[in-house]
């Protein structure tokens, strides 16, 4: 990952409390996992920033290195990697996701 890419990701995370790096957009997800992640966040009614990794190959590869997480989508809350849609679903079911979103 280039320093420019890292800087770009840092900037996104510093400027937004809840960020979902995903395939597609919040209004038009391009994979089922991204769609599930968006649905979960919409169900909570939280404002979040969606970053379409398909629109930027450097971000797409860089975010995998940044959080040492190999798959997309990736949810960050307060600059902390939460995980992908499977982790979000587990946290939803246990109540942990609401706690994390409320921080």
Protein backbone atom coordinates (compact mmCIF):
# COMPACT_ATOMS: atom_id res chain seq x y z
CA UNK A 1 0.00 0.00 0.00
CA UNK A 2 1.34 3.39 -0.94
CA UNK A 3 1.61 6.17 1.61
CA UNK A 4 -0.93 8.15 -0.46
CA UNK A 5 -3.44 5.31 -0.15
CA UNK A 6 -2.82 5.01 3.59
CA UNK A 7 -3.23 8.77 3.96
CA UNK A 8 -6.49 8.64 1.97
CA UNK A 9 -7.87 5.85 4.20
CA UNK A 10 -6.73 7.67 7.37
CA UNK A 11 -8.50 10.81 6.15
CA UNK A 12 -11.76 8.93 5.50
CA UNK A 13 -11.65 7.29 8.94
CA UNK A 14 -10.68 10.51 10.75
CA UNK A 15 -13.52 12.47 9.15
CA UNK A 16 -16.32 9.91 9.63
CA UNK A 17 -17.49 8.07 12.74
CA UNK A 18 -18.97 5.07 10.91
CA UNK A 19 -17.45 3.93 7.62
CA UNK A 20 -18.39 0.94 5.50
CA UNK A 21 -15.88 0.00 2.82
CA UNK A 22 -18.06 -1.95 0.43
CA UNK A 23 -18.63 -3.11 -3.12
CA UNK A 24 -21.02 -0.61 -4.66
CA UNK A 25 -22.88 2.18 -2.94
CA UNK A 26 -25.32 2.22 -0.03
CA UNK A 27 -28.18 2.70 -2.50
CA UNK A 28 -26.85 0.10 -4.95
CA UNK A 29 -24.69 -2.60 -3.29
CA UNK A 30 -22.79 -4.80 -5.76
CA UNK A 31 -22.59 -7.97 -3.66
CA UNK A 32 -24.75 -9.79 -1.17
CA UNK A 33 -22.37 -9.26 1.75
CA UNK A 34 -22.27 -5.51 1.15
CA UNK A 35 -26.06 -5.45 0.82
CA UNK A 36 -26.43 -7.27 4.15
CA UNK A 37 -24.03 -4.83 5.86
CA UNK A 38 -25.97 -1.83 4.50
CA UNK A 39 -29.29 -3.34 5.60
CA UNK A 40 -27.98 -3.89 9.13
CA UNK A 41 -26.78 -0.28 9.39
CA UNK A 42 -30.01 1.08 7.87
CA UNK A 43 -32.05 -0.97 10.36
CA UNK A 44 -30.24 0.90 13.17
CA UNK A 45 -30.97 4.22 11.47
CA UNK A 46 -27.37 5.38 11.82
CA UNK A 47 -25.62 7.77 9.49
CA UNK A 48 -22.61 6.17 7.87
CA UNK A 49 -20.20 6.83 5.07
CA UNK A 50 -20.07 4.19 2.35
CA UNK A 51 -16.85 3.91 0.36
CA UNK A 52 -17.23 2.07 -2.96
CA UNK A 53 -14.02 0.04 -3.30
CA UNK A 54 -14.95 -0.90 -6.87
CA UNK A 55 -14.46 2.75 -7.84
CA UNK A 56 -10.85 2.81 -6.60
CA UNK A 57 -8.56 -0.21 -6.94
CA UNK A 58 -5.92 1.31 -4.64
CA UNK A 59 -8.48 1.72 -1.84
CA UNK A 60 -9.86 -1.75 -2.57
CA UNK A 61 -6.45 -3.38 -2.05
CA UNK A 62 -5.22 -0.87 0.52
CA UNK A 63 -8.10 -1.34 2.96
CA UNK A 64 -7.37 -5.07 3.09
CA UNK A 65 -3.80 -4.31 4.17
CA UNK A 66 -4.81 -1.39 6.40
CA UNK A 67 -6.95 -3.51 8.72
CA UNK A 68 -5.28 -6.82 7.96
CA UNK A 69 -8.69 -8.11 6.89
CA UNK A 70 -8.86 -9.93 3.54
CA UNK A 71 -12.48 -9.41 2.55
CA UNK A 72 -14.92 -6.62 1.69
CA UNK A 73 -17.13 -5.20 3.20
CA UNK A 74 -15.33 -3.80 6.22
CA UNK A 75 -17.04 -1.77 8.91
CA UNK A 76 -15.09 0.78 10.94
CA UNK A 77 -16.54 2.56 13.96
CA UNK A 78 -14.47 5.35 15.51
CA UNK A 79 -11.49 4.28 13.37
CA UNK A 80 -11.66 0.72 14.76
CA UNK A 81 -12.18 -2.23 12.43
CA UNK A 82 -15.29 -4.12 13.47
CA UNK A 83 -15.25 -6.69 10.66
CA UNK A 84 -17.30 -7.83 7.71
CA UNK A 85 -20.98 -8.65 7.31
CA UNK A 86 -20.70 -12.02 9.10
CA UNK A 87 -19.14 -10.35 12.15
CA UNK A 88 -21.76 -7.59 11.96
CA UNK A 89 -24.54 -10.21 11.94
CA UNK A 90 -23.03 -12.02 14.95
CA UNK A 91 -22.68 -8.72 16.81
CA UNK A 92 -26.25 -7.77 15.85
CA UNK A 93 -27.56 -11.02 17.31
CA UNK A 94 -25.56 -10.65 20.54
CA UNK A 95 -26.40 -6.95 21.02
CA UNK A 96 -22.75 -5.91 20.72
CA UNK A 97 -23.29 -3.98 17.49
CA UNK A 98 -25.79 -1.60 19.05
CA UNK A 99 -23.32 -0.94 21.88
CA UNK A 100 -20.51 -0.24 19.39
CA UNK A 101 -22.71 2.06 17.28
CA UNK A 102 -23.89 3.98 20.35
CA UNK A 103 -20.33 4.88 21.43
